[in-house]
Amino acid sequence: MVDLKQEISRTTYPGRGIVIGFTADGKKAACAYFIMGRSENSRNRVFVEDGEGIRTQAFDPSKMEDPSLIIYAPVRVLGNSTIVTNGDQTDTVYDLMKEGKTFEQALRTREFEPDAPNYTPRISGIMNVENGKYDFSMSILKSNNGDPSSCQRFTYSYENPKAGEGYFIHTYMKDANPLPSYEGEPTLVNIEGDIDTFTNNVWEALNEDNKVSLFTRFIDIETGKYETRIINKNK
């Protein structure tokens, strides 16, 4: 296990990231989703609540250029499942699971983003909380080391997660041109403190110049009730 704050701060540009885990007291499912940006268009965003989930929107609509890959709903709730992704595949997972497909089956209809030469991975997670039980899965869809002719698909499922443990996956290994895709399994990290401590730890670890917005949520395993925090750099 590595320290979450240290892992996030290890690079100035991890891109977009998902953390999912279990609080140290063994009572709450925990997740975080953050976005970063290098361009003015990417930085011109905020998270806003949308029903039980959230969506991105332009902070200054007059400065919005191409909305195709930056305006989407990162978080949606379907029954006892909370879906969190870095793109419009949130809607794909929501719609196909509603039809009876699984998380993995839904993502088989998608691939990495068409943003050559980066071919940004699509990262996704789902948290299932029902009848006092909790499990989660994470996914990454990525190009074959920058070759868009091949899509590599990885799904990681975590049953009976341990208290105080979480997993962190993000889009880029470091800040470079082109941006290198995430490599390996989701990183085992610590989950500590209440939701405000957790939120502050993630936000403070993100590079000050590049961070844009952060969403966190704790879900009570017994009741299904949740708490949410949103931090936007643009105010």
Protein backbone atom coordinates (compact mmCIF):
# COMPACT_ATOMS: atom_id res chain seq x y z
CA MET A 1 0.00 0.00 0.00
CA VAL A 2 1.21 3.51 -0.80
CA ASP A 3 0.13 6.82 0.67
CA LEU A 4 -2.69 8.34 -1.39
CA LYS A 5 -1.42 11.91 -1.10
CA GLN A 6 2.10 10.92 -2.14
CA GLU A 7 0.83 8.86 -5.08
CA ILE A 8 -1.35 11.66 -6.43
CA SER A 9 1.43 14.24 -6.08
CA ARG A 10 4.02 11.96 -7.69
CA THR A 11 3.37 13.61 -11.07
CA THR A 12 2.25 17.13 -11.96
CA TYR A 13 -0.30 15.77 -14.42
CA PRO A 14 -2.04 12.47 -13.64
CA GLY A 15 -4.92 13.82 -15.76
CA ARG A 16 -8.28 12.52 -14.54
CA GLY A 17 -8.39 10.10 -11.63
CA ILE A 18 -10.71 7.76 -9.74
CA VAL A 19 -10.19 6.51 -6.18
CA ILE A 20 -12.55 3.87 -4.77
CA GLY A 21 -12.20 2.13 -1.42
CA PHE A 22 -13.45 1.47 2.10
CA THR A 23 -13.12 3.80 5.07
CA ALA A 24 -10.87 2.78 7.95
CA ASP A 25 -13.84 2.30 10.30
CA GLY A 26 -15.34 -0.25 7.89
CA LYS A 27 -18.61 1.67 7.66
CA LYS A 28 -18.53 3.64 4.42
CA ALA A 29 -17.75 3.13 0.75
CA ALA A 30 -15.49 5.95 -0.42
CA CYS A 31 -14.78 7.43 -3.83
CA ALA A 32 -13.14 10.43 -5.40
CA TYR A 33 -13.05 11.71 -8.96
CA PHE A 34 -10.86 14.60 -10.08
CA ILE A 35 -10.17 16.43 -13.32
CA MET A 36 -7.14 18.44 -14.34
CA GLY A 37 -6.35 20.57 -17.37
CA ARG A 38 -3.42 21.98 -19.31
CA SER A 39 -5.38 24.00 -21.90
CA GLU A 40 -7.65 26.97 -21.22
CA ASN A 41 -10.58 24.92 -22.56
CA SER A 42 -9.93 22.07 -20.12
CA ARG A 43 -9.42 24.42 -17.20
CA ASN A 44 -12.66 26.28 -17.94
CA ARG A 45 -14.84 23.76 -16.09
CA VAL A 46 -16.64 23.18 -12.83
CA PHE A 47 -18.52 20.25 -11.27
CA VAL A 48 -22.19 20.82 -10.46
CA GLU A 49 -24.69 18.49 -8.81
CA ASP A 50 -27.13 16.78 -11.17
CA GLY A 51 -29.73 14.62 -9.39
CA GLU A 52 -27.84 11.99 -7.40
CA GLY A 53 -24.77 12.50 -9.59
CA ILE A 54 -22.74 15.36 -11.04
CA ARG A 55 -21.92 16.85 -14.43
CA THR A 56 -19.26 19.14 -15.79
CA GLN A 57 -20.13 22.52 -17.21
CA ALA A 58 -18.27 25.54 -18.54
CA PHE A 59 -17.27 28.06 -15.88
CA ASP A 60 -17.23 30.80 -18.53
CA PRO A 61 -19.47 29.73 -21.46
CA SER A 62 -17.96 32.44 -23.71
CA LYS A 63 -14.57 30.70 -23.54
CA MET A 64 -15.84 27.20 -24.33
CA GLU A 65 -14.28 25.73 -27.47
CA ASP A 66 -14.78 22.00 -28.16
CA PRO A 67 -17.15 20.52 -25.55
CA SER A 68 -17.10 16.96 -26.95
CA LEU A 69 -14.65 15.34 -24.52
CA ILE A 70 -14.87 17.69 -21.55
CA ILE A 71 -18.62 18.15 -20.93
CA TYR A 72 -20.22 14.99 -19.56
CA ALA A 73 -21.76 13.40 -16.45
CA PRO A 74 -18.91 11.79 -14.45
CA VAL A 75 -21.22 10.33 -11.78
CA ARG A 76 -24.67 8.72 -12.05
CA VAL A 77 -26.60 6.46 -9.68
CA LEU A 78 -28.59 3.43 -10.86
CA GLY A 79 -30.42 1.72 -8.01
CA ASN A 80 -27.77 0.58 -5.52
CA SER A 81 -24.89 1.24 -7.93
CA THR A 82 -22.85 4.43 -8.21
CA ILE A 83 -21.11 4.81 -11.58
CA VAL A 84 -18.10 7.12 -11.94
CA THR A 85 -16.11 7.61 -15.15
CA ASN A 86 -13.97 10.14 -16.96
CA GLY A 87 -16.30 10.58 -19.95
CA ASP A 88 -19.68 10.01 -21.55
CA GLN A 89 -19.25 6.26 -20.98
CA THR A 90 -21.03 6.98 -17.69
CA ASP A 91 -24.21 7.19 -19.76
CA THR A 92 -23.28 4.03 -21.69
CA VAL A 93 -22.87 2.05 -18.47
CA TYR A 94 -26.05 3.51 -16.98
CA ASP A 95 -28.18 2.84 -20.07
CA LEU A 96 -26.93 -0.70 -20.79
CA MET A 97 -27.03 -1.80 -17.15
CA LYS A 98 -30.61 -0.57 -17.07
CA GLU A 99 -31.21 -3.04 -19.94
CA GLY A 100 -29.65 -5.88 -17.94
CA LYS A 101 -26.07 -5.77 -19.20
CA THR A 102 -23.12 -5.86 -16.81
CA PHE A 103 -20.59 -3.09 -16.16
CA GLU A 104 -18.00 -4.93 -18.25
CA GLN A 105 -20.41 -5.72 -21.09
CA ALA A 106 -21.42 -2.07 -21.31
CA LEU A 107 -17.80 -0.93 -21.58
CA ARG A 108 -17.11 -3.43 -24.36
CA THR A 109 -19.12 -1.10 -26.60
CA ARG A 110 -16.61 1.72 -26.02
CA GLU A 111 -12.88 2.32 -26.39
CA PHE A 112 -10.29 5.02 -25.58
CA GLU A 113 -10.97 8.65 -26.48
CA PRO A 114 -10.38 9.78 -30.11
CA ASP A 115 -8.00 12.58 -29.10
CA ALA A 116 -4.89 11.75 -31.15
CA PRO A 117 -2.01 11.58 -30.40
CA ASN A 118 -2.85 10.99 -26.70
CA TYR A 119 -5.70 8.49 -27.15
CA THR A 120 -6.70 9.19 -23.55
CA PRO A 121 -7.81 6.04 -21.71
CA ARG A 122 -11.39 5.76 -20.56
CA ILE A 123 -11.32 4.95 -16.85
CA SER A 124 -14.47 3.82 -15.06
CA GLY A 125 -15.61 2.55 -11.69
CA ILE A 126 -18.77 1.18 -10.12
CA MET A 127 -19.65 0.84 -6.44
CA ASN A 128 -22.37 -1.60 -5.40
CA VAL A 129 -23.86 -1.14 -1.93
CA GLU A 130 -26.79 -3.39 -1.06
CA ASN A 131 -28.09 -5.17 2.06
CA GLY A 132 -25.08 -4.15 4.12
CA LYS A 133 -22.62 -5.50 1.55
CA TYR A 134 -20.17 -3.63 -0.66
CA ASP A 135 -18.08 -4.46 -3.70
CA PHE A 136 -16.64 -2.42 -6.54
CA SER A 137 -15.01 -2.71 -9.93
CA MET A 138 -12.67 -0.50 -11.95
CA SER A 139 -11.92 -0.48 -15.68
CA ILE A 140 -9.49 1.04 -18.15
CA LEU A 141 -9.80 1.06 -21.94
CA LYS A 142 -6.52 2.13 -23.55
CA SER A 143 -4.67 2.10 -26.85
CA ASN A 144 -1.81 -0.31 -27.44
CA ASN A 145 1.01 2.02 -26.40
CA GLY A 146 -0.35 4.79 -28.58
CA ASP A 147 -1.42 2.54 -31.46
CA PRO A 148 -5.14 3.25 -32.03
CA SER A 149 -5.65 0.11 -34.13
CA SER A 150 -5.78 -1.95 -30.91
CA CYS A 151 -7.89 -1.37 -27.79
CA GLN A 152 -6.75 -3.01 -24.57
CA ARG A 153 -9.50 -3.67 -22.01
CA PHE A 154 -8.90 -4.34 -18.32
CA THR A 155 -11.50 -4.81 -15.57
CA TYR A 156 -10.59 -5.22 -11.89
CA SER A 157 -13.21 -6.41 -9.40
CA TYR A 158 -12.88 -6.14 -5.63
CA GLU A 159 -15.11 -8.27 -3.39
CA ASN A 160 -15.18 -7.84 0.39
CA PRO A 161 -12.74 -4.92 0.33
CA LYS A 162 -10.67 -4.32 3.44
CA ALA A 163 -11.26 -1.33 5.69
CA GLY A 164 -8.78 1.48 5.14
CA GLU A 165 -7.84 0.31 1.64
CA GLY A 166 -8.63 1.81 -1.74
CA TYR A 167 -7.50 1.70 -5.35
CA PHE A 168 -6.42 4.61 -7.52
CA ILE A 169 -6.42 4.71 -11.32
CA HIS A 170 -5.75 7.73 -13.53
CA THR A 171 -5.35 8.56 -17.19
CA TYR A 172 -1.69 9.54 -17.58
CA MET A 173 1.61 8.38 -16.12
CA LYS A 174 3.16 11.85 -16.32
CA ASP A 175 3.06 15.21 -18.08
CA ALA A 176 4.56 14.77 -21.56
CA ASN A 177 3.75 15.14 -25.25
CA PRO A 178 2.03 12.94 -26.20
CA LEU A 179 0.63 12.01 -22.79
CA PRO A 180 1.54 8.41 -21.86
CA SER A 181 -1.41 6.23 -20.80
CA TYR A 182 -1.69 4.78 -17.30
CA GLU A 183 0.11 1.45 -16.89
CA GLY A 184 -0.55 -1.53 -14.62
CA GLU A 185 -3.25 -2.41 -12.12
CA PRO A 186 -4.99 0.25 -10.03
CA THR A 187 -2.64 1.32 -7.24
CA LEU A 188 -3.40 0.15 -3.69
CA VAL A 189 -3.69 3.26 -1.50
CA ASN A 190 -4.79 4.14 2.03
CA ILE A 191 -8.22 5.61 2.80
CA GLU A 192 -8.15 7.63 6.00
CA GLY A 193 -10.26 10.07 7.96
CA ASP A 194 -13.78 11.40 7.52
CA ILE A 195 -15.04 12.72 4.19
CA ASP A 196 -13.59 16.19 4.75
CA THR A 197 -10.15 14.82 5.61
CA PHE A 198 -10.26 12.52 2.59
CA THR A 199 -11.39 15.37 0.31
CA ASN A 200 -8.72 17.75 1.55
CA ASN A 201 -5.99 15.12 1.21
CA VAL A 202 -6.83 14.56 -2.45
CA TRP A 203 -7.29 18.23 -3.31
CA GLU A 204 -4.07 19.32 -1.61
CA ALA A 205 -2.10 16.57 -3.35
CA LEU A 206 -3.16 17.67 -6.84
CA ASN A 207 -0.80 20.01 -8.69
CA GLU A 208 -1.87 23.58 -8.00
CA ASP A 209 -1.48 24.78 -11.59
CA ASN A 210 -3.31 21.91 -13.25
CA LYS A 211 -6.11 20.89 -10.88
CA VAL A 212 -9.63 21.89 -11.86
CA SER A 213 -12.36 20.08 -9.87
CA LEU A 214 -12.85 17.31 -7.31
CA PHE A 215 -15.87 15.20 -6.32
CA THR A 216 -15.93 12.89 -3.29
CA ARG A 217 -18.63 10.69 -1.82
CA PHE A 218 -18.97 8.44 1.24
CA ILE A 219 -21.83 5.92 1.20
CA ASP A 220 -23.00 4.32 4.44
CA ILE A 221 -22.93 0.55 3.91
CA GLU A 222 -25.83 -0.14 6.28
CA THR A 223 -28.25 2.59 5.20
CA GLY A 224 -27.17 3.53 1.68
CA LYS A 225 -27.22 7.21 2.63
CA TYR A 226 -24.37 9.29 1.25
CA GLU A 227 -22.43 12.49 1.77
CA THR A 228 -20.91 14.42 -1.12
CA ARG A 229 -18.25 17.11 -1.42
CA ILE A 230 -17.39 19.18 -4.50
CA ILE A 231 -14.42 21.53 -4.82
CA ASN A 232 -13.95 23.72 -7.90
CA LYS A 233 -10.86 25.83 -8.50
CA ASN A 234 -13.00 28.23 -10.55
CA LYS A 235 -15.33 30.15 -8.24
